[in-house]
Amino acid sequence: MGTEDQRRAIVAEVAAELRDLAELLRGERSRRAAEGTDTELLDQILTELEPAVVLAHDAEIVGAIGRVLERHGPGPWFDADLAAMAGVGLTELRRIRDQMTAAGLARPAADPPPE
């Protein structure tokens, strides 16, 4: 397994662990709320954890898109085709692309032929 594949595997593992932790904490928060127990600390932890969950997920998406571009070239790609080949949602692909473009890490999407 190459270095990039190893990095992607680590990102996927971290993202899964963060998702699992957030799910566990949400369940505990719901249980405590149903009992009428204070949930303030769990609310704070979840609020602080959520950005890390989102960033890890975004890193997974970037990795999946990168794999497709490495294997099949830079395009031009229809958004729907690239999303399908990467196994990501179309909305997620566009959101990540827009963020990368705004940060100067990607070129703005060219006007592809109509989908």
PDB file of N, CA and C in Angstrom:
ATOM      1  N   MET A   1       0.850  -1.169   0.000  1.00  0.00           N
ATOM      2  CA  MET A   1       0.000   0.000   0.000  1.00  0.00           C
ATOM      3  C   MET A   1       0.896   1.232   0.000  1.00  0.00           C
ATOM      4  N   GLY A   2       0.643   2.158  -0.938  1.00  0.00           N
ATOM      5  CA  GLY A   2       1.435   3.368  -1.044  1.00  0.00           C
ATOM      6  C   GLY A   2       1.138   4.357   0.067  1.00  0.00           C
ATOM      7  N   THR A   3       1.978   5.362   0.163  1.00  0.00           N
ATOM      8  CA  THR A   3       1.837   6.379   1.201  1.00  0.00           C
ATOM      9  C   THR A   3       0.481   7.061   1.142  1.00  0.00           C
ATOM     10  N   GLU A   4       0.029   7.407  -0.046  1.00  0.00           N
ATOM     11  CA  GLU A   4      -1.270   8.080  -0.184  1.00  0.00           C
ATOM     12  C   GLU A   4      -2.409   7.149   0.228  1.00  0.00           C
ATOM     13  N   ASP A   5      -2.299   5.890  -0.138  1.00  0.00           N
ATOM     14  CA  ASP A   5      -3.314   4.919   0.275  1.00  0.00           C
ATOM     15  C   ASP A   5      -3.327   4.763   1.793  1.00  0.00           C
ATOM     16  N   GLN A   6      -2.156   4.772   2.402  1.00  0.00           N
ATOM     17  CA  GLN A   6      -2.066   4.683   3.855  1.00  0.00           C
ATOM     18  C   GLN A   6      -2.703   5.903   4.508  1.00  0.00           C
ATOM     19  N   ARG A   7      -2.439   7.077   3.954  1.00  0.00           N
ATOM     20  CA  ARG A   7      -3.010   8.308   4.488  1.00  0.00           C
ATOM     21  C   ARG A   7      -4.530   8.260   4.390  1.00  0.00           C
ATOM     22  N   ARG A   8      -5.035   7.825   3.256  1.00  0.00           N
ATOM     23  CA  ARG A   8      -6.488   7.732   3.081  1.00  0.00           C
ATOM     24  C   ARG A   8      -7.109   6.723   4.040  1.00  0.00           C
ATOM     25  N   ALA A   9      -6.419   5.625   4.275  1.00  0.00           N
ATOM     26  CA  ALA A   9      -6.925   4.620   5.220  1.00  0.00           C
ATOM     27  C   ALA A   9      -6.973   5.186   6.631  1.00  0.00           C
ATOM     28  N   ILE A  10      -5.969   5.945   7.007  1.00  0.00           N
ATOM     29  CA  ILE A  10      -5.951   6.568   8.334  1.00  0.00           C
ATOM     30  C   ILE A  10      -7.070   7.587   8.445  1.00  0.00           C
ATOM     31  N   VAL A  11      -7.253   8.402   7.411  1.00  0.00           N
ATOM     32  CA  VAL A  11      -8.337   9.400   7.418  1.00  0.00           C
ATOM     33  C   VAL A  11      -9.686   8.704   7.563  1.00  0.00           C
ATOM     34  N   ALA A  12      -9.880   7.624   6.823  1.00  0.00           N
ATOM     35  CA  ALA A  12     -11.148   6.891   6.894  1.00  0.00           C
ATOM     36  C   ALA A  12     -11.363   6.317   8.292  1.00  0.00           C
ATOM     37  N   GLU A  13     -10.314   5.796   8.897  1.00  0.00           N
ATOM     38  CA  GLU A  13     -10.432   5.237  10.247  1.00  0.00           C
ATOM     39  C   GLU A  13     -10.757   6.326  11.269  1.00  0.00           C
ATOM     40  N   VAL A  14     -10.069   7.451  11.181  1.00  0.00           N
ATOM     41  CA  VAL A  14     -10.323   8.559  12.105  1.00  0.00           C
ATOM     42  C   VAL A  14     -11.751   9.085  11.922  1.00  0.00           C
ATOM     43  N   ALA A  15     -12.168   9.236  10.676  1.00  0.00           N
ATOM     44  CA  ALA A  15     -13.528   9.729  10.408  1.00  0.00           C
ATOM     45  C   ALA A  15     -14.567   8.768  10.986  1.00  0.00           C
ATOM     46  N   ALA A  16     -14.352   7.483  10.812  1.00  0.00           N
ATOM     47  CA  ALA A  16     -15.301   6.490  11.352  1.00  0.00           C
ATOM     48  C   ALA A  16     -15.330   6.540  12.875  1.00  0.00           C
ATOM     49  N   GLU A  17     -14.184   6.661  13.496  1.00  0.00           N
ATOM     50  CA  GLU A  17     -14.119   6.738  14.958  1.00  0.00           C
ATOM     51  C   GLU A  17     -14.828   7.996  15.466  1.00  0.00           C
ATOM     52  N   LEU A  18     -14.620   9.115  14.798  1.00  0.00           N
ATOM     53  CA  LEU A  18     -15.289  10.350  15.213  1.00  0.00           C
ATOM     54  C   LEU A  18     -16.798  10.249  15.049  1.00  0.00           C
ATOM     55  N   ARG A  19     -17.243   9.655  13.928  1.00  0.00           N
ATOM     56  CA  ARG A  19     -18.686   9.455  13.729  1.00  0.00           C
ATOM     57  C   ARG A  19     -19.269   8.567  14.816  1.00  0.00           C
ATOM     58  N   ASP A  20     -18.559   7.481  15.119  1.00  0.00           N
ATOM     59  CA  ASP A  20     -19.029   6.562  16.158  1.00  0.00           C
ATOM     60  C   ASP A  20     -19.099   7.256  17.513  1.00  0.00           C
ATOM     61  N   LEU A  21     -18.089   8.041  17.834  1.00  0.00           N
ATOM     62  CA  LEU A  21     -18.077   8.760  19.103  1.00  0.00           C
ATOM     63  C   LEU A  21     -19.237   9.747  19.174  1.00  0.00           C
ATOM     64  N   ALA A  22     -19.445  10.496  18.108  1.00  0.00           N
ATOM     65  CA  ALA A  22     -20.554  11.455  18.090  1.00  0.00           C
ATOM     66  C   ALA A  22     -21.891  10.742  18.245  1.00  0.00           C
ATOM     67  N   GLU A  23     -22.049   9.611  17.579  1.00  0.00           N
ATOM     68  CA  GLU A  23     -23.298   8.845  17.693  1.00  0.00           C
ATOM     69  C   GLU A  23     -23.507   8.340  19.124  1.00  0.00           C
ATOM     70  N   LEU A  24     -22.449   7.840  19.719  1.00  0.00           N
ATOM     71  CA  LEU A  24     -22.516   7.367  21.103  1.00  0.00           C
ATOM     72  C   LEU A  24     -22.911   8.510  22.044  1.00  0.00           C
ATOM     73  N   LEU A  25     -22.281   9.658  21.877  1.00  0.00           N
ATOM     74  CA  LEU A  25     -22.575  10.807  22.733  1.00  0.00           C
ATOM     75  C   LEU A  25     -23.995  11.333  22.512  1.00  0.00           C
ATOM     76  N   ARG A  26     -24.451  11.325  21.255  1.00  0.00           N
ATOM     77  CA  ARG A  26     -25.836  11.748  20.991  1.00  0.00           C
ATOM     78  C   ARG A  26     -26.830  10.805  21.670  1.00  0.00           C
ATOM     79  N   GLY A  27     -26.541   9.520  21.624  1.00  0.00           N
ATOM     80  CA  GLY A  27     -27.400   8.542  22.285  1.00  0.00           C
ATOM     81  C   GLY A  27     -27.431   8.757  23.797  1.00  0.00           C
ATOM     82  N   GLU A  28     -26.262   8.988  24.364  1.00  0.00           N
ATOM     83  CA  GLU A  28     -26.191   9.243  25.808  1.00  0.00           C
ATOM     84  C   GLU A  28     -26.908  10.539  26.156  1.00  0.00           C
ATOM     85  N   ARG A  29     -26.767  11.549  25.317  1.00  0.00           N
ATOM     86  CA  ARG A  29     -27.457  12.814  25.557  1.00  0.00           C
ATOM     87  C   ARG A  29     -28.973  12.608  25.534  1.00  0.00           C
ATOM     88  N   SER A  30     -29.452  11.852  24.550  1.00  0.00           N
ATOM     89  CA  SER A  30     -30.893  11.564  24.447  1.00  0.00           C
ATOM     90  C   SER A  30     -31.387  10.793  25.660  1.00  0.00           C
ATOM     91  N   ARG A  31     -30.602   9.824  26.096  1.00  0.00           N
ATOM     92  CA  ARG A  31     -30.982   9.030  27.267  1.00  0.00           C
ATOM     93  C   ARG A  31     -31.090   9.917  28.493  1.00  0.00           C
ATOM     94  N   ARG A  32     -30.089  10.769  28.685  1.00  0.00           N
ATOM     95  CA  ARG A  32     -30.104  11.655  29.855  1.00  0.00           C
ATOM     96  C   ARG A  32     -31.250  12.668  29.779  1.00  0.00           C
ATOM     97  N   ALA A  33     -31.488  13.184  28.579  1.00  0.00           N
ATOM     98  CA  ALA A  33     -32.586  14.146  28.424  1.00  0.00           C
ATOM     99  C   ALA A  33     -33.922  13.481  28.759  1.00  0.00           C
ATOM    100  N   ALA A  34     -34.086  12.236  28.322  1.00  0.00           N
ATOM    101  CA  ALA A  34     -35.328  11.511  28.608  1.00  0.00           C
ATOM    102  C   ALA A  34     -35.504  11.268  30.109  1.00  0.00           C
ATOM    103  N   GLU A  35     -34.391  11.115  30.821  1.00  0.00           N
ATOM    104  CA  GLU A  35     -34.441  10.919  32.273  1.00  0.00           C
ATOM    105  C   GLU A  35     -34.597  12.241  33.024  1.00  0.00           C
ATOM    106  N   GLY A  36     -34.440  13.340  32.299  1.00  0.00           N
ATOM    107  CA  GLY A  36     -34.500  14.642  32.958  1.00  0.00           C
ATOM    108  C   GLY A  36     -33.178  15.032  33.601  1.00  0.00           C
ATOM    109  N   THR A  37     -32.102  14.335  33.234  1.00  0.00           N
ATOM    110  CA  THR A  37     -30.773  14.621  33.766  1.00  0.00           C
ATOM    111  C   THR A  37     -30.133  15.756  32.969  1.00  0.00           C
ATOM    112  N   ASP A  38     -29.257  16.498  33.611  1.00  0.00           N
ATOM    113  CA  ASP A  38     -28.562  17.614  32.967  1.00  0.00           C
ATOM    114  C   ASP A  38     -27.731  17.116  31.775  1.00  0.00           C
ATOM    115  N   THR A  39     -27.863  17.791  30.647  1.00  0.00           N
ATOM    116  CA  THR A  39     -27.116  17.413  29.430  1.00  0.00           C
ATOM    117  C   THR A  39     -26.155  18.505  28.988  1.00  0.00           C
ATOM    118  N   GLU A  40     -25.943  19.498  29.827  1.00  0.00           N
ATOM    119  CA  GLU A  40     -25.134  20.657  29.433  1.00  0.00           C
ATOM    120  C   GLU A  40     -23.730  20.260  28.984  1.00  0.00           C
ATOM    121  N   LEU A  41     -23.049  19.409  29.743  1.00  0.00           N
ATOM    122  CA  LEU A  41     -21.697  18.997  29.380  1.00  0.00           C
ATOM    123  C   LEU A  41     -21.690  18.235  28.054  1.00  0.00           C
ATOM    124  N   LEU A  42     -22.618  17.319  27.862  1.00  0.00           N
ATOM    125  CA  LEU A  42     -22.690  16.574  26.601  1.00  0.00           C
ATOM    126  C   LEU A  42     -23.010  17.502  25.440  1.00  0.00           C
ATOM    127  N   ASP A  43     -23.873  18.480  25.664  1.00  0.00           N
ATOM    128  CA  ASP A  43     -24.178  19.456  24.615  1.00  0.00           C
ATOM    129  C   ASP A  43     -22.918  20.201  24.197  1.00  0.00           C
ATOM    130  N   GLN A  44     -22.129  20.604  25.189  1.00  0.00           N
ATOM    131  CA  GLN A  44     -20.889  21.329  24.890  1.00  0.00           C
ATOM    132  C   GLN A  44     -19.909  20.438  24.133  1.00  0.00           C
ATOM    133  N   ILE A  45     -19.756  19.208  24.586  1.00  0.00           N
ATOM    134  CA  ILE A  45     -18.833  18.277  23.918  1.00  0.00           C
ATOM    135  C   ILE A  45     -19.274  18.039  22.478  1.00  0.00           C
ATOM    136  N   LEU A  46     -20.557  17.810  22.273  1.00  0.00           N
ATOM    137  CA  LEU A  46     -21.059  17.574  20.912  1.00  0.00           C
ATOM    138  C   LEU A  46     -20.860  18.795  20.034  1.00  0.00           C
ATOM    139  N   THR A  47     -21.071  19.969  20.581  1.00  0.00           N
ATOM    140  CA  THR A  47     -20.872  21.207  19.818  1.00  0.00           C
ATOM    141  C   THR A  47     -19.415  21.339  19.384  1.00  0.00           C
ATOM    142  N   GLU A  48     -18.497  20.982  20.261  1.00  0.00           N
ATOM    143  CA  GLU A  48     -17.074  21.081  19.934  1.00  0.00           C
ATOM    144  C   GLU A  48     -16.598  19.933  19.048  1.00  0.00           C
ATOM    145  N   LEU A  49     -17.246  18.785  19.135  1.00  0.00           N
ATOM    146  CA  LEU A  49     -16.859  17.621  18.340  1.00  0.00           C
ATOM    147  C   LEU A  49     -17.333  17.719  16.893  1.00  0.00           C
ATOM    148  N   GLU A  50     -18.478  18.328  16.679  1.00  0.00           N
ATOM    149  CA  GLU A  50     -19.090  18.350  15.348  1.00  0.00           C
ATOM    150  C   GLU A  50     -18.169  18.891  14.244  1.00  0.00           C
ATOM    151  N   PRO A  51     -17.442  19.995  14.464  1.00  0.00           N
ATOM    152  CA  PRO A  51     -16.547  20.449  13.390  1.00  0.00           C
ATOM    153  C   PRO A  51     -15.481  19.421  13.018  1.00  0.00           C
ATOM    154  N   ALA A  52     -14.980  18.673  13.992  1.00  0.00           N
ATOM    155  CA  ALA A  52     -13.988  17.642  13.691  1.00  0.00           C
ATOM    156  C   ALA A  52     -14.605  16.509  12.875  1.00  0.00           C
ATOM    157  N   VAL A  53     -15.844  16.154  13.185  1.00  0.00           N
ATOM    158  CA  VAL A  53     -16.551  15.115  12.429  1.00  0.00           C
ATOM    159  C   VAL A  53     -16.713  15.565  10.973  1.00  0.00           C
ATOM    160  N   VAL A  54     -17.119  16.812  10.795  1.00  0.00           N
ATOM    161  CA  VAL A  54     -17.332  17.343   9.445  1.00  0.00           C
ATOM    162  C   VAL A  54     -16.010  17.413   8.677  1.00  0.00           C
ATOM    163  N   LEU A  55     -14.956  17.901   9.306  1.00  0.00           N
ATOM    164  CA  LEU A  55     -13.658  18.002   8.624  1.00  0.00           C
ATOM    165  C   LEU A  55     -13.114  16.632   8.243  1.00  0.00           C
ATOM    166  N   ALA A  56     -13.267  15.656   9.117  1.00  0.00           N
ATOM    167  CA  ALA A  56     -12.794  14.305   8.796  1.00  0.00           C
ATOM    168  C   ALA A  56     -13.586  13.724   7.626  1.00  0.00           C
ATOM    169  N   HIS A  57     -14.892  13.957   7.619  1.00  0.00           N
ATOM    170  CA  HIS A  57     -15.718  13.493   6.511  1.00  0.00           C
ATOM    171  C   HIS A  57     -15.317  14.188   5.207  1.00  0.00           C
ATOM    172  N   ASP A  58     -15.075  15.483   5.287  1.00  0.00           N
ATOM    173  CA  ASP A  58     -14.631  16.217   4.100  1.00  0.00           C
ATOM    174  C   ASP A  58     -13.306  15.677   3.576  1.00  0.00           C
ATOM    175  N   ALA A  59     -12.401  15.313   4.481  1.00  0.00           N
ATOM    176  CA  ALA A  59     -11.127  14.732   4.062  1.00  0.00           C
ATOM    177  C   ALA A  59     -11.343  13.398   3.353  1.00  0.00           C
ATOM    178  N   GLU A  60     -12.317  12.622   3.807  1.00  0.00           N
ATOM    179  CA  GLU A  60     -12.661  11.374   3.114  1.00  0.00           C
ATOM    180  C   GLU A  60     -13.134  11.665   1.689  1.00  0.00           C
ATOM    181  N   ILE A  61     -13.970  12.670   1.545  1.00  0.00           N
ATOM    182  CA  ILE A  61     -14.504  13.024   0.228  1.00  0.00           C
ATOM    183  C   ILE A  61     -13.377  13.468  -0.699  1.00  0.00           C
ATOM    184  N   VAL A  62     -12.500  14.321  -0.198  1.00  0.00           N
ATOM    185  CA  VAL A  62     -11.367  14.789  -1.001  1.00  0.00           C
ATOM    186  C   VAL A  62     -10.514  13.605  -1.435  1.00  0.00           C
ATOM    187  N   GLY A  63     -10.281  12.661  -0.542  1.00  0.00           N
ATOM    188  CA  GLY A  63      -9.505  11.471  -0.884  1.00  0.00           C
ATOM    189  C   GLY A  63     -10.167  10.636  -1.955  1.00  0.00           C
ATOM    190  N   ALA A  64     -11.483  10.461  -1.848  1.00  0.00           N
ATOM    191  CA  ALA A  64     -12.221   9.667  -2.841  1.00  0.00           C
ATOM    192  C   ALA A  64     -12.177  10.341  -4.212  1.00  0.00           C
ATOM    193  N   ILE A  65     -12.336  11.641  -4.236  1.00  0.00           N
ATOM    194  CA  ILE A  65     -12.265  12.379  -5.498  1.00  0.00           C
ATOM    195  C   ILE A  65     -10.850  12.303  -6.063  1.00  0.00           C
ATOM    196  N   GLY A  66      -9.867  12.461  -5.198  1.00  0.00           N
ATOM    197  CA  GLY A  66      -8.468  12.373  -5.635  1.00  0.00           C
ATOM    198  C   GLY A  66      -8.136  11.041  -6.265  1.00  0.00           C
ATOM    199  N   ARG A  67      -8.666   9.954  -5.688  1.00  0.00           N
ATOM    200  CA  ARG A  67      -8.436   8.617  -6.265  1.00  0.00           C
ATOM    201  C   ARG A  67      -8.964   8.531  -7.687  1.00  0.00           C
ATOM    202  N   VAL A  68     -10.162   9.062  -7.906  1.00  0.00           N
ATOM    203  CA  VAL A  68     -10.750   9.017  -9.251  1.00  0.00           C
ATOM    204  C   VAL A  68      -9.900   9.830 -10.221  1.00  0.00           C
ATOM    205  N   LEU A  69      -9.498  11.020  -9.809  1.00  0.00           N
ATOM    206  CA  LEU A  69      -8.704  11.872 -10.692  1.00  0.00           C
ATOM    207  C   LEU A  69      -7.343  11.258 -10.988  1.00  0.00           C
ATOM    208  N   GLU A  70      -6.742  10.588 -10.012  1.00  0.00           N
ATOM    209  CA  GLU A  70      -5.463   9.905 -10.236  1.00  0.00           C
ATOM    210  C   GLU A  70      -5.613   8.770 -11.248  1.00  0.00           C
ATOM    211  N   ARG A  71      -6.697   8.022 -11.137  1.00  0.00           N
ATOM    212  CA  ARG A  71      -6.892   6.856 -12.005  1.00  0.00           C
ATOM    213  C   ARG A  71      -7.374   7.220 -13.398  1.00  0.00           C
ATOM    214  N   HIS A  72      -8.214   8.258 -13.486  1.00  0.00           N
ATOM    215  CA  HIS A  72      -8.896   8.523 -14.751  1.00  0.00           C
ATOM    216  C   HIS A  72      -8.617   9.889 -15.357  1.00  0.00           C
ATOM    217  N   GLY A  73      -7.733  10.644 -14.747  1.00  0.00           N
ATOM    218  CA  GLY A  73      -7.358  11.934 -15.301  1.00  0.00           C
ATOM    219  C   GLY A  73      -8.219  13.081 -14.781  1.00  0.00           C
ATOM    220  N   PRO A  74      -7.761  14.299 -15.046  1.00  0.00           N
ATOM    221  CA  PRO A  74      -8.392  15.481 -14.459  1.00  0.00           C
ATOM    222  C   PRO A  74      -9.693  15.918 -15.117  1.00  0.00           C
ATOM    223  N   GLY A  75     -10.087  15.283 -16.178  1.00  0.00           N
ATOM    224  CA  GLY A  75     -11.379  15.655 -16.771  1.00  0.00           C
ATOM    225  C   GLY A  75     -11.200  16.531 -17.984  1.00  0.00           C
ATOM    226  N   PRO A  76     -12.204  17.236 -18.366  1.00  0.00           N
ATOM    227  CA  PRO A  76     -13.338  17.718 -17.580  1.00  0.00           C
ATOM    228  C   PRO A  76     -14.341  16.610 -17.279  1.00  0.00           C
ATOM    229  N   TRP A  77     -14.976  16.739 -16.126  1.00  0.00           N
ATOM    230  CA  TRP A  77     -15.926  15.771 -15.629  1.00  0.00           C
ATOM    231  C   TRP A  77     -17.281  16.424 -15.428  1.00  0.00           C
ATOM    232  N   PHE A  78     -18.319  15.690 -15.717  1.00  0.00           N
ATOM    233  CA  PHE A  78     -19.641  16.103 -15.255  1.00  0.00           C
ATOM    234  C   PHE A  78     -19.638  15.872 -13.750  1.00  0.00           C
ATOM    235  N   ASP A  79     -20.226  16.776 -13.008  1.00  0.00           N
ATOM    236  CA  ASP A  79     -20.268  16.630 -11.552  1.00  0.00           C
ATOM    237  C   ASP A  79     -20.881  15.297 -11.151  1.00  0.00           C
ATOM    238  N   ALA A  80     -21.976  14.937 -11.780  1.00  0.00           N
ATOM    239  CA  ALA A  80     -22.673  13.700 -11.413  1.00  0.00           C
ATOM    240  C   ALA A  80     -21.801  12.478 -11.677  1.00  0.00           C
ATOM    241  N   ASP A  81     -21.040  12.482 -12.766  1.00  0.00           N
ATOM    242  CA  ASP A  81     -20.164  11.347 -13.083  1.00  0.00           C
ATOM    243  C   ASP A  81     -19.034  11.230 -12.068  1.00  0.00           C
ATOM    244  N   LEU A  82     -18.404  12.359 -11.750  1.00  0.00           N
ATOM    245  CA  LEU A  82     -17.304  12.347 -10.790  1.00  0.00           C
ATOM    246  C   LEU A  82     -17.802  11.916  -9.407  1.00  0.00           C
ATOM    247  N   ALA A  83     -18.947  12.429  -9.004  1.00  0.00           N
ATOM    248  CA  ALA A  83     -19.514  12.050  -7.706  1.00  0.00           C
ATOM    249  C   ALA A  83     -19.805  10.554  -7.664  1.00  0.00           C
ATOM    250  N   ALA A  84     -20.393  10.032  -8.728  1.00  0.00           N
ATOM    251  CA  ALA A  84     -20.722   8.605  -8.763  1.00  0.00           C
ATOM    252  C   ALA A  84     -19.466   7.744  -8.725  1.00  0.00           C
ATOM    253  N   MET A  85     -18.462   8.112  -9.491  1.00  0.00           N
ATOM    254  CA  MET A  85     -17.227   7.319  -9.515  1.00  0.00           C
ATOM    255  C   MET A  85     -16.494   7.389  -8.180  1.00  0.00           C
ATOM    256  N   ALA A  86     -16.611   8.525  -7.497  1.00  0.00           N
ATOM    257  CA  ALA A  86     -15.944   8.687  -6.200  1.00  0.00           C
ATOM    258  C   ALA A  86     -16.769   8.089  -5.065  1.00  0.00           C
ATOM    259  N   GLY A  87     -18.044   7.808  -5.352  1.00  0.00           N
ATOM    260  CA  GLY A  87     -18.904   7.259  -4.317  1.00  0.00           C
ATOM    261  C   GLY A  87     -19.321   8.294  -3.285  1.00  0.00           C
ATOM    262  N   VAL A  88     -19.454   9.542  -3.734  1.00  0.00           N
ATOM    263  CA  VAL A  88     -19.868  10.624  -2.838  1.00  0.00           C
ATOM    264  C   VAL A  88     -21.128  11.277  -3.395  1.00  0.00           C
ATOM    265  N   GLY A  89     -21.816  11.990  -2.551  1.00  0.00           N
ATOM    266  CA  GLY A  89     -23.013  12.690  -2.980  1.00  0.00           C
ATOM    267  C   GLY A  89     -22.677  13.887  -3.856  1.00  0.00           C
ATOM    268  N   LEU A  90     -23.559  14.184  -4.784  1.00  0.00           N
ATOM    269  CA  LEU A  90     -23.361  15.312  -5.700  1.00  0.00           C
ATOM    270  C   LEU A  90     -23.256  16.624  -4.931  1.00  0.00           C
ATOM    271  N   THR A  91     -24.099  16.807  -3.947  1.00  0.00           N
ATOM    272  CA  THR A  91     -24.060  18.030  -3.140  1.00  0.00           C
ATOM    273  C   THR A  91     -22.736  18.135  -2.399  1.00  0.00           C
ATOM    274  N   GLU A  92     -22.264  17.007  -1.857  1.00  0.00           N
ATOM    275  CA  GLU A  92     -20.983  17.015  -1.149  1.00  0.00           C
ATOM    276  C   GLU A  92     -19.840  17.359  -2.090  1.00  0.00           C
ATOM    277  N   LEU A  93     -19.841  16.767  -3.274  1.00  0.00           N
ATOM    278  CA  LEU A  93     -18.791  17.036  -4.247  1.00  0.00           C
ATOM    279  C   LEU A  93     -18.753  18.526  -4.571  1.00  0.00           C
ATOM    280  N   ARG A  94     -19.911  19.110  -4.848  1.00  0.00           N
ATOM    281  CA  ARG A  94     -19.965  20.531  -5.202  1.00  0.00           C
ATOM    282  C   ARG A  94     -19.552  21.421  -4.037  1.00  0.00           C
ATOM    283  N   ARG A  95     -19.941  21.051  -2.827  1.00  0.00           N
ATOM    284  CA  ARG A  95     -19.573  21.844  -1.650  1.00  0.00           C
ATOM    285  C   ARG A  95     -18.058  21.836  -1.461  1.00  0.00           C
ATOM    286  N   ILE A  96     -17.448  20.657  -1.574  1.00  0.00           N
ATOM    287  CA  ILE A  96     -15.998  20.543  -1.417  1.00  0.00           C
ATOM    288  C   ILE A  96     -15.283  21.301  -2.532  1.00  0.00           C
ATOM    289  N   ARG A  97     -15.751  21.140  -3.750  1.00  0.00           N
ATOM    290  CA  ARG A  97     -15.127  21.844  -4.871  1.00  0.00           C
ATOM    291  C   ARG A  97     -15.203  23.359  -4.664  1.00  0.00           C
ATOM    292  N   ASP A  98     -16.353  23.851  -4.239  1.00  0.00           N
ATOM    293  CA  ASP A  98     -16.517  25.287  -4.010  1.00  0.00           C
ATOM    294  C   ASP A  98     -15.597  25.778  -2.898  1.00  0.00           C
ATOM    295  N   GLN A  99     -15.444  24.983  -1.841  1.00  0.00           N
ATOM    296  CA  GLN A  99     -14.539  25.359  -0.746  1.00  0.00           C
ATOM    297  C   GLN A  99     -13.093  25.395  -1.236  1.00  0.00           C
ATOM    298  N   MET A 100     -12.713  24.386  -2.012  1.00  0.00           N
ATOM    299  CA  MET A 100     -11.343  24.342  -2.516  1.00  0.00           C
ATOM    300  C   MET A 100     -11.072  25.478  -3.494  1.00  0.00           C
ATOM    301  N   THR A 101     -12.053  25.809  -4.303  1.00  0.00           N
ATOM    302  CA  THR A 101     -11.909  26.919  -5.243  1.00  0.00           C
ATOM    303  C   THR A 101     -11.755  28.235  -4.476  1.00  0.00           C
ATOM    304  N   ALA A 102     -12.592  28.434  -3.464  1.00  0.00           N
ATOM    305  CA  ALA A 102     -12.522  29.663  -2.662  1.00  0.00           C
ATOM    306  C   ALA A 102     -11.177  29.797  -1.960  1.00  0.00           C
ATOM    307  N   ALA A 103     -10.573  28.658  -1.591  1.00  0.00           N
ATOM    308  CA  ALA A 103      -9.280  28.669  -0.911  1.00  0.00           C
ATOM    309  C   ALA A 103      -8.115  28.732  -1.897  1.00  0.00           C
ATOM    310  N   GLY A 104      -8.413  28.737  -3.206  1.00  0.00           N
ATOM    311  CA  GLY A 104      -7.363  28.791  -4.220  1.00  0.00           C
ATOM    312  C   GLY A 104      -6.689  27.454  -4.467  1.00  0.00           C
ATOM    313  N   LEU A 105      -7.302  26.367  -4.017  1.00  0.00           N
ATOM    314  CA  LEU A 105      -6.723  25.040  -4.182  1.00  0.00           C
ATOM    315  C   LEU A 105      -7.237  24.300  -5.409  1.00  0.00           C
ATOM    316  N   ALA A 106      -8.255  24.853  -6.037  1.00  0.00           N
ATOM    317  CA  ALA A 106      -8.826  24.244  -7.241  1.00  0.00           C
ATOM    318  C   ALA A 106      -9.258  25.360  -8.172  1.00  0.00           C
ATOM    319  N   ARG A 107      -9.323  25.019  -9.439  1.00  0.00           N
ATOM    320  CA  ARG A 107      -9.800  25.978 -10.426  1.00  0.00           C
ATOM    321  C   ARG A 107     -11.323  25.994 -10.412  1.00  0.00           C
ATOM    322  N   PRO A 108     -11.901  27.137 -10.733  1.00  0.00           N
ATOM    323  CA  PRO A 108     -13.369  27.163 -10.828  1.00  0.00           C
ATOM    324  C   PRO A 108     -13.836  26.155 -11.873  1.00  0.00           C
ATOM    325  N   ALA A 109     -15.013  25.593 -11.645  1.00  0.00           N
ATOM    326  CA  ALA A 109     -15.557  24.630 -12.586  1.00  0.00           C
ATOM    327  C   ALA A 109     -15.789  25.301 -13.929  1.00  0.00           C
ATOM    328  N   ALA A 110     -15.319  24.663 -14.983  1.00  0.00           N
ATOM    329  CA  ALA A 110     -15.575  25.161 -16.320  1.00  0.00           C
ATOM    330  C   ALA A 110     -17.031  24.873 -16.651  1.00  0.00           C
ATOM    331  N   ASP A 111     -17.537  25.519 -17.657  1.00  0.00           N
ATOM    332  CA  ASP A 111     -18.901  25.245 -18.082  1.00  0.00           C
ATOM    333  C   ASP A 111     -18.888  23.945 -18.880  1.00  0.00           C
ATOM    334  N   PRO A 112     -19.227  22.828 -18.234  1.00  0.00           N
ATOM    335  CA  PRO A 112     -19.253  21.561 -18.973  1.00  0.00           C
ATOM    336  C   PRO A 112     -20.483  21.507 -19.863  1.00  0.00           C
ATOM    337  N   PRO A 113     -20.458  20.593 -20.790  1.00  0.00           N
ATOM    338  CA  PRO A 113     -21.673  20.425 -21.606  1.00  0.00           C
ATOM    339  C   PRO A 113     -22.860  20.117 -20.687  1.00  0.00           C
ATOM    340  N   PRO A 114     -24.066  20.424 -21.097  1.00  0.00           N
ATOM    341  CA  PRO A 114     -25.242  20.167 -20.239  1.00  0.00           C
ATOM    342  C   PRO A 114     -25.309  18.692 -19.856  1.00  0.00           C
ATOM    343  N   GLU A 115     -25.695  18.440 -18.606  1.00  0.00           N
ATOM    344  CA  GLU A 115     -25.794  17.056 -18.113  1.00  0.00           C
ATOM    345  C   GLU A 115     -27.093  16.455 -18.520  1.00  0.00           C
TER     346      GLU A 115
END
